[in-house]
Amino acid sequence: MAGIQINIGDHVSHQPGYDAIPIGHQKTMRWARTKAKWIASNINSANTYFRTLPDGRSLSDLLGDSSIWVNYHATMPDFGEAEISGKEIAISHTAYRIGRWTVLATLIHELAHINGAPGTPDKRAERAVIECGMGKLSELTTGVDDPFTPYNPNIGG
């Protein structure tokens, strides 16, 4: 199955700062993509939730879209971003430094934006992390962060 593309130097993004994923981070990104596909296939709430977002695509649909590219951004202050055309994602050095679960949560969050979830102050993109099994509903309802999950109730947009 074709799917989202990982920029390993075979893609030139039109977005400034969106670069090839460094060799040292490529294994983590491949793991995150594989784990996201597992989530889409095994956690029912993932596809169900993604279909409620404005563009109505499931997580499986997005992960199967070979026109979406995942890039690296060395200096971005946030964990990631999705550019407005809905075809380019960048994941920051900070996310990779924290670890693979943060990279995975960032990928899920940014795919929610690709699927039409608005930016800050709206929280639907970060809610996708919970619906994909990487956070607790109590974090959403109380606003209290559990440091043992990659979901962060303080992240908007």
C-alpha atoms as a PDB file:
ATOM      1  CA  MET A   1       0.000   0.000   0.000  1.00  0.00           C
ATOM      2  CA  ALA A   2       1.346   3.407  -0.922  1.00  0.00           C
ATOM      3  CA  GLY A   3       1.403   5.834   1.904  1.00  0.00           C
ATOM      4  CA  ILE A   4       2.704   9.036   3.360  1.00  0.00           C
ATOM      5  CA  GLN A   5       6.213   9.794   2.212  1.00  0.00           C
ATOM      6  CA  ILE A   6       9.216  10.299   4.468  1.00  0.00           C
ATOM      7  CA  ASN A   7      11.630  12.866   3.052  1.00  0.00           C
ATOM      8  CA  ILE A   8      15.029  11.160   3.108  1.00  0.00           C
ATOM      9  CA  GLY A   9      16.500  13.581   0.599  1.00  0.00           C
ATOM     10  CA  ASP A  10      14.316  12.571  -2.341  1.00  0.00           C
ATOM     11  CA  HIS A  11      11.910  15.508  -2.007  1.00  0.00           C
ATOM     12  CA  VAL A  12      12.308  19.266  -2.112  1.00  0.00           C
ATOM     13  CA  SER A  13       9.628  21.059  -0.141  1.00  0.00           C
ATOM     14  CA  HIS A  14       8.471  24.514  -1.154  1.00  0.00           C
ATOM     15  CA  GLN A  15       8.206  25.377   2.564  1.00  0.00           C
ATOM     16  CA  PRO A  16      11.224  27.171   4.076  1.00  0.00           C
ATOM     17  CA  GLY A  17      12.991  25.001   6.647  1.00  0.00           C
ATOM     18  CA  TYR A  18      11.247  21.771   5.606  1.00  0.00           C
ATOM     19  CA  ASP A  19      14.229  19.531   4.933  1.00  0.00           C
ATOM     20  CA  ALA A  20      15.149  15.881   4.579  1.00  0.00           C
ATOM     21  CA  ILE A  21      14.980  13.907   7.803  1.00  0.00           C
ATOM     22  CA  PRO A  22      18.565  13.375   9.004  1.00  0.00           C
ATOM     23  CA  ILE A  23      19.861   9.810   8.838  1.00  0.00           C
ATOM     24  CA  GLY A  24      19.982   9.651  12.648  1.00  0.00           C
ATOM     25  CA  HIS A  25      16.211  10.322  12.862  1.00  0.00           C
ATOM     26  CA  GLN A  26      14.973   8.224   9.933  1.00  0.00           C
ATOM     27  CA  LYS A  27      14.567   5.036  11.979  1.00  0.00           C
ATOM     28  CA  THR A  28      12.387   6.916  14.485  1.00  0.00           C
ATOM     29  CA  MET A  29      10.229   8.362  11.699  1.00  0.00           C
ATOM     30  CA  ARG A  30       9.797   4.965  10.046  1.00  0.00           C
ATOM     31  CA  TRP A  31       8.784   3.532  13.430  1.00  0.00           C
ATOM     32  CA  ALA A  32       6.255   6.368  13.917  1.00  0.00           C
ATOM     33  CA  ARG A  33       4.724   5.791  10.478  1.00  0.00           C
ATOM     34  CA  THR A  34       4.477   2.040  11.084  1.00  0.00           C
ATOM     35  CA  LYS A  35       2.975   2.569  14.546  1.00  0.00           C
ATOM     36  CA  ALA A  36       0.455   5.101  13.148  1.00  0.00           C
ATOM     37  CA  LYS A  37      -0.675   2.494  10.603  1.00  0.00           C
ATOM     38  CA  TRP A  38      -1.012  -0.046  13.421  1.00  0.00           C
ATOM     39  CA  ILE A  39      -3.120   2.442  15.404  1.00  0.00           C
ATOM     40  CA  ALA A  40      -5.379   3.070  12.395  1.00  0.00           C
ATOM     41  CA  SER A  41      -5.919  -0.681  11.999  1.00  0.00           C
ATOM     42  CA  ASN A  42      -6.324  -1.605  15.669  1.00  0.00           C
ATOM     43  CA  ILE A  43      -7.750   1.330  17.632  1.00  0.00           C
ATOM     44  CA  ASN A  44     -11.312   1.899  16.420  1.00  0.00           C
ATOM     45  CA  SER A  45     -11.593   5.397  17.850  1.00  0.00           C
ATOM     46  CA  ALA A  46      -8.711   6.602  15.649  1.00  0.00           C
ATOM     47  CA  ASN A  47     -10.460   6.319  12.272  1.00  0.00           C
ATOM     48  CA  THR A  48     -13.812   7.221  13.816  1.00  0.00           C
ATOM     49  CA  TYR A  49     -12.449  10.440  15.313  1.00  0.00           C
ATOM     50  CA  PHE A  50     -10.559  11.480  12.179  1.00  0.00           C
ATOM     51  CA  ARG A  51     -13.787  11.139  10.159  1.00  0.00           C
ATOM     52  CA  THR A  52     -15.377  13.791  12.431  1.00  0.00           C
ATOM     53  CA  LEU A  53     -12.783  16.409  11.454  1.00  0.00           C
ATOM     54  CA  PRO A  54     -13.739  19.002   8.808  1.00  0.00           C
ATOM     55  CA  ASP A  55     -12.285  17.171   5.786  1.00  0.00           C
ATOM     56  CA  GLY A  56     -13.848  13.854   6.885  1.00  0.00           C
ATOM     57  CA  ARG A  57     -10.965  11.538   5.991  1.00  0.00           C
ATOM     58  CA  SER A  58     -10.060   8.605   8.210  1.00  0.00           C
ATOM     59  CA  LEU A  59      -6.592   8.195   9.678  1.00  0.00           C
ATOM     60  CA  SER A  60      -6.153   5.211   7.344  1.00  0.00           C
ATOM     61  CA  ASP A  61      -7.020   7.420   4.357  1.00  0.00           C
ATOM     62  CA  LEU A  62      -4.413   9.996   5.355  1.00  0.00           C
ATOM     63  CA  LEU A  63      -1.715   7.418   6.033  1.00  0.00           C
ATOM     64  CA  GLY A  64      -2.418   5.896   2.620  1.00  0.00           C
ATOM     65  CA  ASP A  65      -2.032   9.230   0.812  1.00  0.00           C
ATOM     66  CA  SER A  66       1.319   9.211  -0.984  1.00  0.00           C
ATOM     67  CA  SER A  67       1.033  12.925  -1.783  1.00  0.00           C
ATOM     68  CA  ILE A  68       1.646  13.801   1.900  1.00  0.00           C
ATOM     69  CA  TRP A  69       5.317  14.337   2.798  1.00  0.00           C
ATOM     70  CA  VAL A  70       6.852  14.282   6.268  1.00  0.00           C
ATOM     71  CA  ASN A  71       9.896  16.523   6.614  1.00  0.00           C
ATOM     72  CA  TYR A  72      12.314  17.675   9.297  1.00  0.00           C
ATOM     73  CA  HIS A  73      12.629  21.196  10.660  1.00  0.00           C
ATOM     74  CA  ALA A  74      15.788  21.955  12.642  1.00  0.00           C
ATOM     75  CA  THR A  75      14.829  25.310  14.167  1.00  0.00           C
ATOM     76  CA  MET A  76      11.034  25.324  14.586  1.00  0.00           C
ATOM     77  CA  PRO A  77      10.100  26.143  18.207  1.00  0.00           C
ATOM     78  CA  ASP A  78       7.016  23.872  18.162  1.00  0.00           C
ATOM     79  CA  PHE A  79       6.935  20.077  17.882  1.00  0.00           C
ATOM     80  CA  GLY A  80       5.591  20.200  14.345  1.00  0.00           C
ATOM     81  CA  GLU A  81       3.433  21.935  11.794  1.00  0.00           C
ATOM     82  CA  ALA A  82       1.379  21.218   8.716  1.00  0.00           C
ATOM     83  CA  GLU A  83       1.435  23.688   5.876  1.00  0.00           C
ATOM     84  CA  ILE A  84      -1.769  25.054   4.483  1.00  0.00           C
ATOM     85  CA  SER A  85      -1.958  23.033   1.242  1.00  0.00           C
ATOM     86  CA  GLY A  86      -2.304  19.892   3.317  1.00  0.00           C
ATOM     87  CA  LYS A  87       0.549  18.061   1.643  1.00  0.00           C
ATOM     88  CA  GLU A  88       3.572  18.893   3.820  1.00  0.00           C
ATOM     89  CA  ILE A  89       4.288  18.163   7.483  1.00  0.00           C
ATOM     90  CA  ALA A  90       7.421  19.140   9.380  1.00  0.00           C
ATOM     91  CA  ILE A  91       8.494  17.554  12.659  1.00  0.00           C
ATOM     92  CA  SER A  92      10.985  19.480  14.750  1.00  0.00           C
ATOM     93  CA  HIS A  93      14.298  18.651  16.302  1.00  0.00           C
ATOM     94  CA  THR A  94      12.622  19.079  19.714  1.00  0.00           C
ATOM     95  CA  ALA A  95      10.145  16.261  19.052  1.00  0.00           C
ATOM     96  CA  TYR A  96      12.946  13.900  17.978  1.00  0.00           C
ATOM     97  CA  ARG A  97      15.034  14.881  21.009  1.00  0.00           C
ATOM     98  CA  ILE A  98      12.181  13.934  23.367  1.00  0.00           C
ATOM     99  CA  GLY A  99      11.671  10.576  21.683  1.00  0.00           C
ATOM    100  CA  ARG A 100       9.730   8.373  19.316  1.00  0.00           C
ATOM    101  CA  TRP A 101       6.390   8.581  21.134  1.00  0.00           C
ATOM    102  CA  THR A 102       6.507  12.374  20.843  1.00  0.00           C
ATOM    103  CA  VAL A 103       7.343  12.044  17.146  1.00  0.00           C
ATOM    104  CA  LEU A 104       4.357   9.704  16.732  1.00  0.00           C
ATOM    105  CA  ALA A 105       2.022  12.034  18.669  1.00  0.00           C
ATOM    106  CA  THR A 106       3.258  14.961  16.572  1.00  0.00           C
ATOM    107  CA  LEU A 107       2.626  13.044  13.348  1.00  0.00           C
ATOM    108  CA  ILE A 108      -0.932  12.219  14.473  1.00  0.00           C
ATOM    109  CA  HIS A 109      -1.543  15.828  15.561  1.00  0.00           C
ATOM    110  CA  GLU A 110      -0.307  17.208  12.238  1.00  0.00           C
ATOM    111  CA  LEU A 111      -2.333  14.691  10.225  1.00  0.00           C
ATOM    112  CA  ALA A 112      -5.402  16.015  12.088  1.00  0.00           C
ATOM    113  CA  HIS A 113      -4.521  19.492  10.776  1.00  0.00           C
ATOM    114  CA  ILE A 114      -4.119  18.060   7.264  1.00  0.00           C
ATOM    115  CA  ASN A 115      -7.664  16.719   7.778  1.00  0.00           C
ATOM    116  CA  GLY A 116      -8.991  20.184   8.551  1.00  0.00           C
ATOM    117  CA  ALA A 117      -8.573  20.532  12.322  1.00  0.00           C
ATOM    118  CA  PRO A 118      -8.155  24.263  13.003  1.00  0.00           C
ATOM    119  CA  GLY A 119      -5.197  25.795  14.802  1.00  0.00           C
ATOM    120  CA  THR A 120      -5.017  27.447  18.213  1.00  0.00           C
ATOM    121  CA  PRO A 121      -7.116  27.904  20.286  1.00  0.00           C
ATOM    122  CA  ASP A 122      -9.022  24.891  18.905  1.00  0.00           C
ATOM    123  CA  LYS A 123      -7.888  21.605  20.502  1.00  0.00           C
ATOM    124  CA  ARG A 124      -9.174  19.059  17.959  1.00  0.00           C
ATOM    125  CA  ALA A 125      -5.728  18.254  16.537  1.00  0.00           C
ATOM    126  CA  GLU A 126      -4.340  17.415  19.976  1.00  0.00           C
ATOM    127  CA  ARG A 127      -7.543  15.478  20.831  1.00  0.00           C
ATOM    128  CA  ALA A 128      -6.584  13.125  17.980  1.00  0.00           C
ATOM    129  CA  VAL A 129      -3.636  11.992  20.117  1.00  0.00           C
ATOM    130  CA  ILE A 130      -6.058  10.782  22.814  1.00  0.00           C
ATOM    131  CA  GLU A 131      -8.335   9.110  20.263  1.00  0.00           C
ATOM    132  CA  CYS A 132      -5.293   7.235  18.967  1.00  0.00           C
ATOM    133  CA  GLY A 133      -4.587   5.776  22.417  1.00  0.00           C
ATOM    134  CA  MET A 134      -1.729   8.045  23.485  1.00  0.00           C
ATOM    135  CA  GLY A 135      -3.385   9.975  26.271  1.00  0.00           C
ATOM    136  CA  LYS A 136      -5.987   9.712  28.982  1.00  0.00           C
ATOM    137  CA  LEU A 137      -9.490  11.126  28.822  1.00  0.00           C
ATOM    138  CA  SER A 138      -8.855  12.522  32.309  1.00  0.00           C
ATOM    139  CA  GLU A 139      -6.121  14.728  30.837  1.00  0.00           C
ATOM    140  CA  LEU A 140      -8.677  16.161  28.443  1.00  0.00           C
ATOM    141  CA  THR A 141     -11.415  16.675  31.019  1.00  0.00           C
ATOM    142  CA  THR A 142      -9.241  18.021  33.855  1.00  0.00           C
ATOM    143  CA  GLY A 143      -6.524  19.761  31.857  1.00  0.00           C
ATOM    144  CA  VAL A 144      -3.925  18.098  34.092  1.00  0.00           C
ATOM    145  CA  ASP A 145      -1.029  16.643  32.109  1.00  0.00           C
ATOM    146  CA  ASP A 146       0.094  13.076  32.761  1.00  0.00           C
ATOM    147  CA  PRO A 147       3.846  13.170  32.029  1.00  0.00           C
ATOM    148  CA  PHE A 148       3.732   9.481  31.094  1.00  0.00           C
ATOM    149  CA  THR A 149       1.639  10.089  27.952  1.00  0.00           C
ATOM    150  CA  PRO A 150       2.562  12.105  24.850  1.00  0.00           C
ATOM    151  CA  TYR A 151      -0.781  13.948  24.946  1.00  0.00           C
ATOM    152  CA  ASN A 152      -0.380  17.495  26.231  1.00  0.00           C
ATOM    153  CA  PRO A 153      -3.528  19.375  27.335  1.00  0.00           C
ATOM    154  CA  ASN A 154      -1.582  22.632  27.061  1.00  0.00           C
ATOM    155  CA  ILE A 155      -1.065  22.296  23.308  1.00  0.00           C
ATOM    156  CA  GLY A 156      -3.598  24.110  21.203  1.00  0.00           C
ATOM    157  CA  GLY A 157      -4.039  23.945  17.489  1.00  0.00           C
END
